[in-house]
């Protein structure tokens, strides 16, 4: 992913996480107690200033009683489907032109 796409993904992840937390009536400190992750670290994830590990996302999803996929793929504000990747027969279906 390009840096812009990475940033947008982290923004959407944070928005989904915040919405799920709010829907359950939890504040950051309560979620911190449930996950063992500091409230400041959770805030950084929600504001797209930290790129969380998969294990961190797993702990957050469990605490929010969600499948992890809901944080990663769920509908978020302004989500638009990405165009399919360009097909390159030599690379098994991925356009790896910039990596050659």
PDB file of N, CA and C in Angstrom:
ATOM      1  N   UNK A   1       0.831  -1.173   0.000  1.00  0.00           N
ATOM      2  CA  UNK A   1       0.000   0.000   0.000  1.00  0.00           C
ATOM      3  C   UNK A   1       0.876   1.236   0.000  1.00  0.00           C
ATOM      4  N   UNK A   2       0.439   2.235  -0.680  1.00  0.00           N
ATOM      5  CA  UNK A   2       1.141   3.509  -0.668  1.00  0.00           C
ATOM      6  C   UNK A   2       0.881   4.197   0.664  1.00  0.00           C
ATOM      7  N   UNK A   3       1.733   5.151   1.001  1.00  0.00           N
ATOM      8  CA  UNK A   3       1.615   5.838   2.294  1.00  0.00           C
ATOM      9  C   UNK A   3       0.228   6.445   2.476  1.00  0.00           C
ATOM     10  N   UNK A   4      -0.324   7.068   1.452  1.00  0.00           N
ATOM     11  CA  UNK A   4      -1.669   7.651   1.545  1.00  0.00           C
ATOM     12  C   UNK A   4      -2.724   6.606   1.817  1.00  0.00           C
ATOM     13  N   UNK A   5      -2.618   5.466   1.162  1.00  0.00           N
ATOM     14  CA  UNK A   5      -3.575   4.383   1.383  1.00  0.00           C
ATOM     15  C   UNK A   5      -3.415   3.803   2.784  1.00  0.00           C
ATOM     16  N   UNK A   6      -2.172   3.705   3.260  1.00  0.00           N
ATOM     17  CA  UNK A   6      -1.938   3.231   4.628  1.00  0.00           C
ATOM     18  C   UNK A   6      -2.587   4.165   5.633  1.00  0.00           C
ATOM     19  N   UNK A   7      -2.385   5.469   5.444  1.00  0.00           N
ATOM     20  CA  UNK A   7      -2.951   6.450   6.362  1.00  0.00           C
ATOM     21  C   UNK A   7      -4.470   6.387   6.362  1.00  0.00           C
ATOM     22  N   UNK A   8      -5.065   6.268   5.193  1.00  0.00           N
ATOM     23  CA  UNK A   8      -6.540   6.196   5.100  1.00  0.00           C
ATOM     24  C   UNK A   8      -7.044   4.932   5.784  1.00  0.00           C
ATOM     25  N   UNK A   9      -6.338   3.821   5.600  1.00  0.00           N
ATOM     26  CA  UNK A   9      -6.728   2.572   6.257  1.00  0.00           C
ATOM     27  C   UNK A   9      -6.693   2.740   7.775  1.00  0.00           C
ATOM     28  N   UNK A  10      -5.622   3.354   8.300  1.00  0.00           N
ATOM     29  CA  UNK A  10      -5.510   3.559   9.748  1.00  0.00           C
ATOM     30  C   UNK A  10      -6.586   4.503  10.262  1.00  0.00           C
ATOM     31  N   UNK A  11      -6.934   5.523   9.476  1.00  0.00           N
ATOM     32  CA  UNK A  11      -8.013   6.430   9.863  1.00  0.00           C
ATOM     33  C   UNK A  11      -9.341   5.685   9.965  1.00  0.00           C
ATOM     34  N   UNK A  12      -9.631   4.852   8.973  1.00  0.00           N
ATOM     35  CA  UNK A  12     -10.880   4.099   8.973  1.00  0.00           C
ATOM     36  C   UNK A  12     -10.913   3.085  10.108  1.00  0.00           C
ATOM     37  N   UNK A  13      -9.784   2.438  10.365  1.00  0.00           N
ATOM     38  CA  UNK A  13      -9.688   1.507  11.482  1.00  0.00           C
ATOM     39  C   UNK A  13      -9.995   2.229  12.786  1.00  0.00           C
ATOM     40  N   UNK A  14      -9.387   3.390  12.986  1.00  0.00           N
ATOM     41  CA  UNK A  14      -9.627   4.170  14.197  1.00  0.00           C
ATOM     42  C   UNK A  14     -11.074   4.601  14.328  1.00  0.00           C
ATOM     43  N   UNK A  15     -11.686   4.998  13.219  1.00  0.00           N
ATOM     44  CA  UNK A  15     -13.089   5.405  13.238  1.00  0.00           C
ATOM     45  C   UNK A  15     -13.992   4.228  13.614  1.00  0.00           C
ATOM     46  N   UNK A  16     -13.704   3.063  13.062  1.00  0.00           N
ATOM     47  CA  UNK A  16     -14.497   1.871  13.392  1.00  0.00           C
ATOM     48  C   UNK A  16     -14.350   1.505  14.863  1.00  0.00           C
ATOM     49  N   UNK A  17     -13.107   1.581  15.343  1.00  0.00           N
ATOM     50  CA  UNK A  17     -12.832   1.248  16.731  1.00  0.00           C
ATOM     51  C   UNK A  17     -13.558   2.215  17.668  1.00  0.00           C
ATOM     52  N   UNK A  18     -13.470   3.492  17.399  1.00  0.00           N
ATOM     53  CA  UNK A  18     -14.133   4.502  18.229  1.00  0.00           C
ATOM     54  C   UNK A  18     -15.652   4.310  18.200  1.00  0.00           C
ATOM     55  N   UNK A  19     -16.213   4.063  17.020  1.00  0.00           N
ATOM     56  CA  UNK A  19     -17.656   3.871  16.904  1.00  0.00           C
ATOM     57  C   UNK A  19     -18.105   2.645  17.691  1.00  0.00           C
ATOM     58  N   UNK A  20     -17.344   1.553  17.609  1.00  0.00           N
ATOM     59  CA  UNK A  20     -17.699   0.330  18.337  1.00  0.00           C
ATOM     60  C   UNK A  20     -17.598   0.556  19.842  1.00  0.00           C
ATOM     61  N   UNK A  21     -16.570   1.263  20.259  1.00  0.00           N
ATOM     62  CA  UNK A  21     -16.400   1.560  21.689  1.00  0.00           C
ATOM     63  C   UNK A  21     -17.553   2.425  22.187  1.00  0.00           C
ATOM     64  N   UNK A  22     -17.897   3.459  21.433  1.00  0.00           N
ATOM     65  CA  UNK A  22     -18.985   4.357  21.822  1.00  0.00           C
ATOM     66  C   UNK A  22     -20.329   3.624  21.836  1.00  0.00           C
ATOM     67  N   UNK A  23     -20.540   2.748  20.862  1.00  0.00           N
ATOM     68  CA  UNK A  23     -21.794   1.989  20.801  1.00  0.00           C
ATOM     69  C   UNK A  23     -21.971   1.096  22.023  1.00  0.00           C
ATOM     70  N   UNK A  24     -20.875   0.720  22.640  1.00  0.00           N
ATOM     71  CA  UNK A  24     -20.934  -0.129  23.830  1.00  0.00           C
ATOM     72  C   UNK A  24     -20.881   0.696  25.119  1.00  0.00           C
ATOM     73  N   UNK A  25     -20.857   2.011  24.974  1.00  0.00           N
ATOM     74  CA  UNK A  25     -20.858   2.894  26.128  1.00  0.00           C
ATOM     75  C   UNK A  25     -19.566   2.886  26.924  1.00  0.00           C
ATOM     76  N   UNK A  26     -18.453   2.584  26.254  1.00  0.00           N
ATOM     77  CA  UNK A  26     -17.154   2.521  26.926  1.00  0.00           C
ATOM     78  C   UNK A  26     -16.343   3.772  26.644  1.00  0.00           C
ATOM     79  N   UNK A  27     -15.621   4.259  27.644  1.00  0.00           N
ATOM     80  CA  UNK A  27     -14.656   5.315  27.382  1.00  0.00           C
ATOM     81  C   UNK A  27     -13.282   4.658  27.219  1.00  0.00           C
ATOM     82  N   UNK A  28     -12.294   5.452  26.873  1.00  0.00           N
ATOM     83  CA  UNK A  28     -10.962   4.896  26.622  1.00  0.00           C
ATOM     84  C   UNK A  28     -10.382   4.194  27.848  1.00  0.00           C
ATOM     85  N   UNK A  29     -10.626   4.745  29.028  1.00  0.00           N
ATOM     86  CA  UNK A  29     -10.078   4.137  30.248  1.00  0.00           C
ATOM     87  C   UNK A  29     -10.720   2.781  30.532  1.00  0.00           C
ATOM     88  N   UNK A  30     -11.999   2.659  30.257  1.00  0.00           N
ATOM     89  CA  UNK A  30     -12.672   1.371  30.456  1.00  0.00           C
ATOM     90  C   UNK A  30     -12.157   0.338  29.463  1.00  0.00           C
ATOM     91  N   UNK A  31     -12.001   0.745  28.198  1.00  0.00           N
ATOM     92  CA  UNK A  31     -11.458  -0.183  27.206  1.00  0.00           C
ATOM     93  C   UNK A  31     -10.020  -0.559  27.560  1.00  0.00           C
ATOM     94  N   UNK A  32      -9.282   0.381  28.099  1.00  0.00           N
ATOM     95  CA  UNK A  32      -7.909   0.098  28.526  1.00  0.00           C
ATOM     96  C   UNK A  32      -7.895  -0.991  29.603  1.00  0.00           C
ATOM     97  N   UNK A  33      -8.792  -0.906  30.541  1.00  0.00           N
ATOM     98  CA  UNK A  33      -8.859  -1.928  31.598  1.00  0.00           C
ATOM     99  C   UNK A  33      -9.229  -3.290  31.031  1.00  0.00           C
ATOM    100  N   UNK A  34     -10.114  -3.305  30.039  1.00  0.00           N
ATOM    101  CA  UNK A  34     -10.541  -4.573  29.443  1.00  0.00           C
ATOM    102  C   UNK A  34      -9.448  -5.212  28.587  1.00  0.00           C
ATOM    103  N   UNK A  35      -8.604  -4.386  27.981  1.00  0.00           N
ATOM    104  CA  UNK A  35      -7.609  -4.908  27.042  1.00  0.00           C
ATOM    105  C   UNK A  35      -6.212  -5.022  27.629  1.00  0.00           C
ATOM    106  N   UNK A  36      -5.928  -4.256  28.666  1.00  0.00           N
ATOM    107  CA  UNK A  36      -4.563  -4.197  29.176  1.00  0.00           C
ATOM    108  C   UNK A  36      -3.673  -3.294  28.337  1.00  0.00           C
ATOM    109  N   UNK A  37      -4.279  -2.498  27.481  1.00  0.00           N
ATOM    110  CA  UNK A  37      -3.570  -1.546  26.618  1.00  0.00           C
ATOM    111  C   UNK A  37      -3.858  -0.159  27.188  1.00  0.00           C
ATOM    112  N   UNK A  38      -2.844   0.679  27.306  1.00  0.00           N
ATOM    113  CA  UNK A  38      -3.055   1.986  27.924  1.00  0.00           C
ATOM    114  C   UNK A  38      -4.062   2.826  27.138  1.00  0.00           C
ATOM    115  N   UNK A  39      -4.750   3.689  27.855  1.00  0.00           N
ATOM    116  CA  UNK A  39      -5.720   4.585  27.217  1.00  0.00           C
ATOM    117  C   UNK A  39      -5.030   5.486  26.197  1.00  0.00           C
ATOM    118  N   UNK A  40      -3.807   5.905  26.500  1.00  0.00           N
ATOM    119  CA  UNK A  40      -3.092   6.765  25.550  1.00  0.00           C
ATOM    120  C   UNK A  40      -2.755   6.005  24.269  1.00  0.00           C
ATOM    121  N   UNK A  41      -2.385   4.741  24.382  1.00  0.00           N
ATOM    122  CA  UNK A  41      -2.102   3.931  23.185  1.00  0.00           C
ATOM    123  C   UNK A  41      -3.385   3.716  22.381  1.00  0.00           C
ATOM    124  N   UNK A  42      -4.492   3.453  23.065  1.00  0.00           N
ATOM    125  CA  UNK A  42      -5.769   3.281  22.366  1.00  0.00           C
ATOM    126  C   UNK A  42      -6.162   4.568  21.639  1.00  0.00           C
ATOM    127  N   UNK A  43      -5.933   5.701  22.283  1.00  0.00           N
ATOM    128  CA  UNK A  43      -6.235   6.982  21.660  1.00  0.00           C
ATOM    129  C   UNK A  43      -5.394   7.189  20.400  1.00  0.00           C
ATOM    130  N   UNK A  44      -4.124   6.825  20.460  1.00  0.00           N
ATOM    131  CA  UNK A  44      -3.258   6.956  19.287  1.00  0.00           C
ATOM    132  C   UNK A  44      -3.734   6.078  18.132  1.00  0.00           C
ATOM    133  N   UNK A  45      -4.260   4.905  18.453  1.00  0.00           N
ATOM    134  CA  UNK A  45      -4.799   4.023  17.408  1.00  0.00           C
ATOM    135  C   UNK A  45      -6.056   4.641  16.819  1.00  0.00           C
ATOM    136  N   UNK A  46      -6.949   5.145  17.682  1.00  0.00           N
ATOM    137  CA  UNK A  46      -8.198   5.735  17.205  1.00  0.00           C
ATOM    138  C   UNK A  46      -7.977   6.972  16.347  1.00  0.00           C
ATOM    139  N   UNK A  47      -6.890   7.679  16.587  1.00  0.00           N
ATOM    140  CA  UNK A  47      -6.601   8.898  15.818  1.00  0.00           C
ATOM    141  C   UNK A  47      -5.607   8.654  14.690  1.00  0.00           C
ATOM    142  N   UNK A  48      -5.343   7.402  14.390  1.00  0.00           N
ATOM    143  CA  UNK A  48      -4.472   6.993  13.273  1.00  0.00           C
ATOM    144  C   UNK A  48      -3.040   7.487  13.433  1.00  0.00           C
ATOM    145  N   UNK A  49      -2.598   7.641  14.667  1.00  0.00           N
ATOM    146  CA  UNK A  49      -1.221   8.058  14.913  1.00  0.00           C
ATOM    147  C   UNK A  49      -0.340   6.884  15.298  1.00  0.00           C
ATOM    148  N   UNK A  50      -0.938   5.717  15.439  1.00  0.00           N
ATOM    149  CA  UNK A  50      -0.177   4.508  15.743  1.00  0.00           C
ATOM    150  C   UNK A  50      -0.729   3.379  14.883  1.00  0.00           C
ATOM    151  N   UNK A  51       0.174   2.601  14.339  1.00  0.00           N
ATOM    152  CA  UNK A  51      -0.166   1.433  13.526  1.00  0.00           C
ATOM    153  C   UNK A  51      -0.120   0.220  14.456  1.00  0.00           C
ATOM    154  N   UNK A  52      -1.281  -0.302  14.849  1.00  0.00           N
ATOM    155  CA  UNK A  52      -1.291  -1.371  15.852  1.00  0.00           C
ATOM    156  C   UNK A  52      -0.854  -2.721  15.295  1.00  0.00           C
ATOM    157  N   UNK A  53      -0.333  -3.545  16.184  1.00  0.00           N
ATOM    158  CA  UNK A  53      -0.012  -4.929  15.840  1.00  0.00           C
ATOM    159  C   UNK A  53      -1.299  -5.736  15.725  1.00  0.00           C
ATOM    160  N   UNK A  54      -1.203  -6.843  15.061  1.00  0.00           N
ATOM    161  CA  UNK A  54      -2.352  -7.734  14.929  1.00  0.00           C
ATOM    162  C   UNK A  54      -2.801  -8.226  16.305  1.00  0.00           C
ATOM    163  N   UNK A  55      -1.870  -8.535  17.181  1.00  0.00           N
ATOM    164  CA  UNK A  55      -2.243  -9.017  18.515  1.00  0.00           C
ATOM    165  C   UNK A  55      -2.964  -7.926  19.306  1.00  0.00           C
ATOM    166  N   UNK A  56      -2.581  -6.675  19.102  1.00  0.00           N
ATOM    167  CA  UNK A  56      -3.266  -5.565  19.756  1.00  0.00           C
ATOM    168  C   UNK A  56      -4.696  -5.458  19.242  1.00  0.00           C
ATOM    169  N   UNK A  57      -4.871  -5.547  17.933  1.00  0.00           N
ATOM    170  CA  UNK A  57      -6.215  -5.505  17.352  1.00  0.00           C
ATOM    171  C   UNK A  57      -7.066  -6.663  17.848  1.00  0.00           C
ATOM    172  N   UNK A  58      -6.454  -7.810  18.007  1.00  0.00           N
ATOM    173  CA  UNK A  58      -7.183  -8.972  18.510  1.00  0.00           C
ATOM    174  C   UNK A  58      -7.699  -8.716  19.926  1.00  0.00           C
ATOM    175  N   UNK A  59      -6.871  -8.138  20.778  1.00  0.00           N
ATOM    176  CA  UNK A  59      -7.289  -7.838  22.153  1.00  0.00           C
ATOM    177  C   UNK A  59      -8.413  -6.806  22.175  1.00  0.00           C
ATOM    178  N   UNK A  60      -8.318  -5.807  21.308  1.00  0.00           N
ATOM    179  CA  UNK A  60      -9.356  -4.777  21.235  1.00  0.00           C
ATOM    180  C   UNK A  60     -10.666  -5.381  20.747  1.00  0.00           C
ATOM    181  N   UNK A  61     -10.593  -6.181  19.695  1.00  0.00           N
ATOM    182  CA  UNK A  61     -11.799  -6.808  19.149  1.00  0.00           C
ATOM    183  C   UNK A  61     -12.471  -7.714  20.179  1.00  0.00           C
ATOM    184  N   UNK A  62     -11.666  -8.502  20.897  1.00  0.00           N
ATOM    185  CA  UNK A  62     -12.244  -9.370  21.938  1.00  0.00           C
ATOM    186  C   UNK A  62     -12.945  -8.546  23.003  1.00  0.00           C
ATOM    187  N   UNK A  63     -12.313  -7.462  23.436  1.00  0.00           N
ATOM    188  CA  UNK A  63     -12.908  -6.618  24.466  1.00  0.00           C
ATOM    189  C   UNK A  63     -14.203  -5.965  23.981  1.00  0.00           C
ATOM    190  N   UNK A  64     -14.256  -5.640  22.697  1.00  0.00           N
ATOM    191  CA  UNK A  64     -15.457  -5.024  22.124  1.00  0.00           C
ATOM    192  C   UNK A  64     -16.481  -6.069  21.672  1.00  0.00           C
ATOM    193  N   UNK A  65     -16.118  -7.347  21.839  1.00  0.00           N
ATOM    194  CA  UNK A  65     -16.985  -8.469  21.445  1.00  0.00           C
ATOM    195  C   UNK A  65     -17.353  -8.395  19.972  1.00  0.00           C
ATOM    196  N   UNK A  66     -16.296  -8.210  19.178  1.00  0.00           N
ATOM    197  CA  UNK A  66     -16.425  -8.135  17.722  1.00  0.00           C
ATOM    198  C   UNK A  66     -15.458  -9.106  17.074  1.00  0.00           C
ATOM    199  N   UNK A  67     -15.796  -9.578  15.882  1.00  0.00           N
ATOM    200  CA  UNK A  67     -14.752 -10.281  15.122  1.00  0.00           C
ATOM    201  C   UNK A  67     -13.727  -9.245  14.678  1.00  0.00           C
ATOM    202  N   UNK A  68     -12.485  -9.607  14.642  1.00  0.00           N
ATOM    203  CA  UNK A  68     -11.437  -8.673  14.244  1.00  0.00           C
ATOM    204  C   UNK A  68     -11.712  -8.091  12.860  1.00  0.00           C
ATOM    205  N   UNK A  69     -12.355  -8.857  12.005  1.00  0.00           N
ATOM    206  CA  UNK A  69     -12.662  -8.371  10.655  1.00  0.00           C
ATOM    207  C   UNK A  69     -13.560  -7.144  10.684  1.00  0.00           C
ATOM    208  N   UNK A  70     -14.375  -6.974  11.728  1.00  0.00           N
ATOM    209  CA  UNK A  70     -15.238  -5.795  11.811  1.00  0.00           C
ATOM    210  C   UNK A  70     -14.407  -4.524  11.969  1.00  0.00           C
ATOM    211  N   UNK A  71     -13.268  -4.625  12.630  1.00  0.00           N
ATOM    212  CA  UNK A  71     -12.386  -3.462  12.750  1.00  0.00           C
ATOM    213  C   UNK A  71     -11.615  -3.232  11.458  1.00  0.00           C
ATOM    214  N   UNK A  72     -11.245  -4.303  10.792  1.00  0.00           N
ATOM    215  CA  UNK A  72     -10.418  -4.197   9.589  1.00  0.00           C
ATOM    216  C   UNK A  72     -11.212  -3.877   8.334  1.00  0.00           C
ATOM    217  N   UNK A  73     -12.404  -4.432   8.218  1.00  0.00           N
ATOM    218  CA  UNK A  73     -13.130  -4.341   6.947  1.00  0.00           C
ATOM    219  C   UNK A  73     -14.497  -3.709   7.049  1.00  0.00           C
ATOM    220  N   UNK A  74     -14.983  -3.499   8.238  1.00  0.00           N
ATOM    221  CA  UNK A  74     -16.339  -2.999   8.408  1.00  0.00           C
ATOM    222  C   UNK A  74     -16.558  -1.685   7.700  1.00  0.00           C
ATOM    223  N   UNK A  75     -17.804  -1.374   7.421  1.00  0.00           N
ATOM    224  CA  UNK A  75     -18.068  -0.103   6.753  1.00  0.00           C
ATOM    225  C   UNK A  75     -17.722   1.056   7.671  1.00  0.00           C
ATOM    226  N   UNK A  76     -17.015   1.993   7.141  1.00  0.00           N
ATOM    227  CA  UNK A  76     -16.664   3.191   7.879  1.00  0.00           C
ATOM    228  C   UNK A  76     -17.090   4.405   7.082  1.00  0.00           C
ATOM    229  N   UNK A  77     -17.071   5.558   7.690  1.00  0.00           N
ATOM    230  CA  UNK A  77     -17.439   6.760   6.952  1.00  0.00           C
ATOM    231  C   UNK A  77     -16.531   6.942   5.739  1.00  0.00           C
ATOM    232  N   UNK A  78     -17.131   7.269   4.622  1.00  0.00           N
ATOM    233  CA  UNK A  78     -16.387   7.534   3.382  1.00  0.00           C
ATOM    234  C   UNK A  78     -15.667   6.319   2.808  1.00  0.00           C
ATOM    235  N   UNK A  79     -16.027   5.107   3.252  1.00  0.00           N
ATOM    236  CA  UNK A  79     -15.402   3.922   2.650  1.00  0.00           C
ATOM    237  C   UNK A  79     -15.861   3.804   1.206  1.00  0.00           C
ATOM    238  N   UNK A  80     -14.922   3.661   0.321  1.00  0.00           N
ATOM    239  CA  UNK A  80     -15.239   3.407  -1.076  1.00  0.00           C
ATOM    240  C   UNK A  80     -14.449   2.193  -1.511  1.00  0.00           C
ATOM    241  N   UNK A  81     -15.068   1.333  -2.296  1.00  0.00           N
ATOM    242  CA  UNK A  81     -14.334   0.137  -2.717  1.00  0.00           C
ATOM    243  C   UNK A  81     -13.127   0.511  -3.565  1.00  0.00           C
ATOM    244  N   UNK A  82     -12.036  -0.183  -3.316  1.00  0.00           N
ATOM    245  CA  UNK A  82     -10.826   0.036  -4.100  1.00  0.00           C
ATOM    246  C   UNK A  82     -10.972  -0.653  -5.448  1.00  0.00           C
ATOM    247  N   UNK A  83     -10.385  -0.083  -6.498  1.00  0.00           N
ATOM    248  CA  UNK A  83     -10.442  -0.758  -7.786  1.00  0.00           C
ATOM    249  C   UNK A  83      -9.626  -2.041  -7.723  1.00  0.00           C
ATOM    250  N   UNK A  84     -10.009  -3.049  -8.503  1.00  0.00           N
ATOM    251  CA  UNK A  84      -9.232  -4.289  -8.481  1.00  0.00           C
ATOM    252  C   UNK A  84      -7.817  -4.031  -8.970  1.00  0.00           C
ATOM    253  N   UNK A  85      -6.845  -4.782  -8.444  1.00  0.00           N
ATOM    254  CA  UNK A  85      -5.464  -4.575  -8.892  1.00  0.00           C
ATOM    255  C   UNK A  85      -5.306  -4.964 -10.354  1.00  0.00           C
ATOM    256  N   UNK A  86      -4.365  -4.304 -11.005  1.00  0.00           N
ATOM    257  CA  UNK A  86      -4.069  -4.633 -12.396  1.00  0.00           C
ATOM    258  C   UNK A  86      -3.510  -6.044 -12.461  1.00  0.00           C
ATOM    259  N   UNK A  87      -3.898  -6.775 -13.456  1.00  0.00           N
ATOM    260  CA  UNK A  87      -3.454  -8.165 -13.601  1.00  0.00           C
ATOM    261  C   UNK A  87      -2.160  -8.212 -14.394  1.00  0.00           C
ATOM    262  N   UNK A  88      -1.193  -8.907 -13.877  1.00  0.00           N
ATOM    263  CA  UNK A  88       0.096  -9.089 -14.550  1.00  0.00           C
ATOM    264  C   UNK A  88       0.384 -10.586 -14.544  1.00  0.00           C
ATOM    265  N   UNK A  89       0.292 -11.194 -15.691  1.00  0.00           N
ATOM    266  CA  UNK A  89       0.439 -12.647 -15.798  1.00  0.00           C
ATOM    267  C   UNK A  89       1.773 -13.157 -15.277  1.00  0.00           C
ATOM    268  N   UNK A  90       2.844 -12.375 -15.416  1.00  0.00           N
ATOM    269  CA  UNK A  90       4.168 -12.833 -14.991  1.00  0.00           C
ATOM    270  C   UNK A  90       4.311 -12.912 -13.478  1.00  0.00           C
ATOM    271  N   UNK A  91       3.499 -12.182 -12.744  1.00  0.00           N
ATOM    272  CA  UNK A  91       3.668 -12.136 -11.292  1.00  0.00           C
ATOM    273  C   UNK A  91       2.576 -12.907 -10.569  1.00  0.00           C
ATOM    274  N   UNK A  92       1.824 -13.725 -11.250  1.00  0.00           N
ATOM    275  CA  UNK A  92       0.783 -14.520 -10.601  1.00  0.00           C
ATOM    276  C   UNK A  92      -0.461 -13.733 -10.270  1.00  0.00           C
ATOM    277  N   UNK A  93      -0.745 -12.650 -10.982  1.00  0.00           N
ATOM    278  CA  UNK A  93      -1.973 -11.922 -10.777  1.00  0.00           C
ATOM    279  C   UNK A  93      -1.838 -10.597 -10.064  1.00  0.00           C
ATOM    280  N   UNK A  94      -0.652 -10.232  -9.619  1.00  0.00           N
ATOM    281  CA  UNK A  94      -0.436  -8.969  -8.950  1.00  0.00           C
ATOM    282  C   UNK A  94       0.402  -8.056  -9.819  1.00  0.00           C
ATOM    283  N   UNK A  95       0.112  -6.764  -9.779  1.00  0.00           N
ATOM    284  CA  UNK A  95       0.905  -5.803 -10.517  1.00  0.00           C
ATOM    285  C   UNK A  95       2.078  -5.407  -9.640  1.00  0.00           C
ATOM    286  N   UNK A  96       3.226  -5.981  -9.911  1.00  0.00           N
ATOM    287  CA  UNK A  96       4.431  -5.720  -9.125  1.00  0.00           C
ATOM    288  C   UNK A  96       5.421  -4.859  -9.892  1.00  0.00           C
ATOM    289  N   UNK A  97       4.929  -4.104 -10.855  1.00  0.00           N
ATOM    290  CA  UNK A  97       5.780  -3.309 -11.710  1.00  0.00           C
ATOM    291  C   UNK A  97       6.735  -2.402 -10.962  1.00  0.00           C
ATOM    292  N   UNK A  98       6.281  -1.765  -9.885  1.00  0.00           N
ATOM    293  CA  UNK A  98       7.144  -0.850  -9.163  1.00  0.00           C
ATOM    294  C   UNK A  98       8.199  -1.571  -8.325  1.00  0.00           C
ATOM    295  N   UNK A  99       8.093  -2.885  -8.161  1.00  0.00           N
ATOM    296  CA  UNK A  99       9.035  -3.653  -7.335  1.00  0.00           C
ATOM    297  C   UNK A  99      10.092  -4.378  -8.145  1.00  0.00           C
ATOM    298  N   UNK A 100      10.080  -4.212  -9.461  1.00  0.00           N
ATOM    299  CA  UNK A 100      11.039  -4.926 -10.301  1.00  0.00           C
ATOM    300  C   UNK A 100      12.335  -4.198 -10.396  1.00  0.00           C
TER     301      UNK A 100
END
